[in-house]
Protein backbone atom coordinates (compact mmCIF):
# COMPACT_ATOMS: atom_id res chain seq x y z
CA MET A 1 128.30 60.30 72.66
CA GLY A 2 128.55 60.91 68.96
CA ASN A 3 127.01 64.38 68.68
CA ASN A 4 125.15 63.08 65.67
CA THR A 5 121.74 64.47 66.49
CA VAL A 6 120.31 67.97 66.57
CA GLU A 7 119.38 67.36 70.22
CA GLU A 8 122.95 66.51 71.20
CA PHE A 9 124.24 69.46 69.23
CA THR A 10 121.73 71.78 70.93
CA ALA A 11 122.95 70.60 74.33
CA LEU A 12 126.55 71.24 73.29
CA ILE A 13 125.75 74.81 72.14
CA ALA A 14 123.62 75.49 75.24
CA GLY A 15 126.77 74.94 77.30
CA ILE A 16 128.25 77.96 75.55
CA THR A 17 125.19 80.21 75.19
CA GLY A 18 124.31 79.68 78.85
CA ARG A 19 127.55 81.39 79.84
CA ILE A 20 127.06 84.40 77.57
CA ALA A 21 123.29 84.97 77.66
CA GLY A 22 122.40 88.62 78.25
CA GLN A 23 125.92 89.88 77.58
CA PRO A 24 126.37 92.80 75.18
CA LEU A 25 127.92 91.71 71.89
CA ASP A 26 131.22 93.60 71.96
CA ASP A 27 135.02 93.24 72.16
CA GLN A 28 134.78 92.25 75.81
CA LEU A 29 132.54 89.30 74.94
CA GLU A 30 134.92 88.30 72.13
CA SER A 31 137.86 88.30 74.57
CA ARG A 32 135.83 86.29 77.06
CA LEU A 33 134.81 83.65 74.50
CA ASN A 34 138.40 83.29 73.30
CA ALA A 35 139.52 82.89 76.93
CA GLU A 36 136.75 80.54 78.12
CA PHE A 37 136.39 78.47 74.95
CA PRO A 38 139.86 78.76 73.38
CA ALA A 39 140.42 77.59 69.80
CA GLU A 40 142.70 74.79 71.02
CA GLY A 41 140.43 73.80 73.88
CA ALA A 42 138.29 70.70 74.38
CA GLU A 43 134.92 72.46 74.14
CA PHE A 44 135.84 74.24 70.91
CA ASP A 45 137.08 70.93 69.48
CA ARG A 46 133.86 69.14 70.47
CA VAL A 47 131.77 71.67 68.55
CA PHE A 48 134.17 71.53 65.57
CA GLU A 49 134.04 67.71 65.47
CA ALA A 50 130.25 67.74 65.87
CA CYS A 51 129.94 70.15 62.92
CA LYS A 52 132.18 68.02 60.71
CA ALA A 53 130.23 64.86 61.62
CA ALA A 54 126.84 66.54 61.07
CA ILE A 55 127.88 67.96 57.69
CA ALA A 56 129.11 64.50 56.68
CA ALA A 57 125.82 62.99 57.91
CA GLY A 58 123.94 65.48 55.75
CA TRP A 59 121.73 67.26 58.29
CA MET A 60 123.97 70.31 58.73
CA CYS A 61 124.75 72.73 55.87
CA ASN A 62 122.23 70.85 53.73
CA ARG A 63 121.52 73.79 51.42
CA GLU A 64 123.89 75.28 48.88
CA ALA A 65 124.07 78.52 46.93
CA GLY A 66 126.98 80.21 45.22
CA GLY A 67 129.42 77.57 46.45
CA ILE A 68 128.40 78.09 50.07
CA LYS A 69 126.86 75.24 52.03
CA PHE A 70 124.61 76.57 54.76
CA GLY A 71 121.62 76.04 56.96
CA ARG A 72 119.92 77.15 60.16
CA VAL A 73 120.62 74.35 62.59
CA ILE A 74 118.68 75.60 65.61
CA LYS A 75 115.92 78.19 65.64
CA PRO A 76 116.12 80.86 68.35
CA GLY A 77 114.59 79.66 71.58
CA GLU A 78 114.87 79.00 75.27
CA ALA A 79 117.02 75.91 74.77
CA ILE A 80 119.92 78.07 73.61
CA HIS A 81 119.08 81.26 75.48
CA GLY A 82 117.38 83.16 72.66
CA PHE A 83 120.11 82.67 70.07
CA SER A 84 119.78 80.91 66.75
CA VAL A 85 122.55 78.73 65.32
CA ASP A 86 123.48 78.75 61.65
CA VAL A 87 126.44 76.93 60.16
CA VAL A 88 128.12 77.63 56.84
CA GLU A 89 130.92 75.89 54.98
CA MET A 90 132.75 78.27 52.65
CA ASP A 91 135.69 77.62 50.37
CA ALA A 92 137.61 80.80 49.60
CA CYS A 93 134.54 82.80 48.66
CA LYS A 94 132.38 85.75 49.61
CA GLY A 95 128.85 85.42 51.01
CA PRO A 96 125.83 87.67 50.55
CA HIS A 97 125.97 91.10 52.19
CA HIS A 98 123.84 91.34 55.33
CA ARG A 99 123.28 93.30 58.51
CA HIS A 100 123.14 92.08 62.10
CA PRO A 101 120.47 94.16 63.87
CA LYS A 102 121.48 92.63 67.22
CA GLY A 103 125.04 91.59 66.45
CA GLU A 104 126.61 88.25 65.59
CA ILE A 105 128.95 85.81 67.31
CA ASP A 106 131.11 83.78 64.92
CA MET A 107 132.96 80.59 65.77
CA ILE A 108 135.61 80.16 63.07
CA MET A 109 136.73 76.60 62.33
CA PRO A 110 139.26 76.39 59.48
CA LEU A 111 139.27 73.09 57.55
CA ASP A 112 142.40 74.20 55.67
CA ALA A 113 145.30 75.49 57.76
CA GLY A 114 145.42 78.94 56.16
CA ALA A 115 141.69 79.58 55.98
CA LYS A 116 140.43 82.81 57.52
CA PHE A 117 136.96 84.31 57.97
CA ASP A 118 136.84 88.09 57.55
CA GLY A 119 140.61 88.02 58.04
CA ARG A 120 140.47 86.03 61.27
CA GLY A 121 141.74 82.52 61.93
CA LYS A 122 140.45 79.83 64.26
CA GLY A 123 138.58 81.22 67.25
CA TRP A 124 135.77 83.63 68.08
CA LEU A 125 134.77 86.88 66.43
CA VAL A 126 132.01 89.12 67.78
CA TYR A 127 130.27 91.79 65.73
CA PRO A 128 128.21 94.44 67.53
CA ALA A 129 124.59 95.35 66.78
CA ASP A 130 124.06 97.10 63.44
CA HIS A 131 127.25 95.73 61.95
CA SER A 132 127.03 94.74 58.30
CA HIS A 133 129.40 92.82 56.03
CA SER A 134 129.88 90.41 53.15
CA PRO A 135 131.21 87.36 55.02
CA THR A 136 134.40 86.31 53.29
CA VAL A 137 136.56 83.22 53.63
CA THR A 138 140.09 83.37 52.21
CA GLY A 139 142.96 80.88 52.07
CA GLY A 140 140.90 77.71 51.82
CA LYS A 141 137.85 76.11 53.35
CA ALA A 142 136.30 76.87 56.73
CA ILE A 143 133.22 76.09 58.75
CA VAL A 144 131.71 79.10 60.51
CA LEU A 145 129.05 78.70 63.18
CA TYR A 146 127.18 81.85 64.00
CA LEU A 147 124.96 82.75 66.89
CA LEU A 148 122.38 85.45 66.30
CA PRO A 149 120.37 86.98 69.16
CA ASP A 150 116.70 86.23 68.36
CA GLY A 151 117.87 84.91 64.99
CA ALA A 152 118.01 88.50 63.72
CA ILE A 153 119.63 88.96 60.30
CA GLU A 154 118.75 91.19 57.36
CA PHE A 155 120.05 90.39 53.91
CA THR A 156 120.76 93.52 51.89
CA LYS A 157 118.45 93.84 48.90
């Protein structure tokens, strides 16, 4: 299975969202994700490899602005338990400031060894509802997959 289609990728993500659906987005969920889908684990690697392959194939991160490649991969829906999936590829840069009305779950996949997203290396980062930030990658290039409940995001004007 090559994970080269949106359908295959959706199935891969559903395996994760199915285990966290309905959970509050907080530190406890972050700890759980890092324990159940560790950065060095097989499931994390499968998603990472699928992202790299899909970006190379051109259907993921197919838009670009300000040096950031990005794109919504899966719209929020039943298939992935009400989350949406967006993927960005950032190379030592800062993204547009935005707010997460319902929180955000980030899967951080460094392409360069020292790359960090908001100061965090490879693994999971969970932001609670109402959190806002300018997503920042330092130390190289990274892919960040983010899950948004109901696809909720508000870019700051």
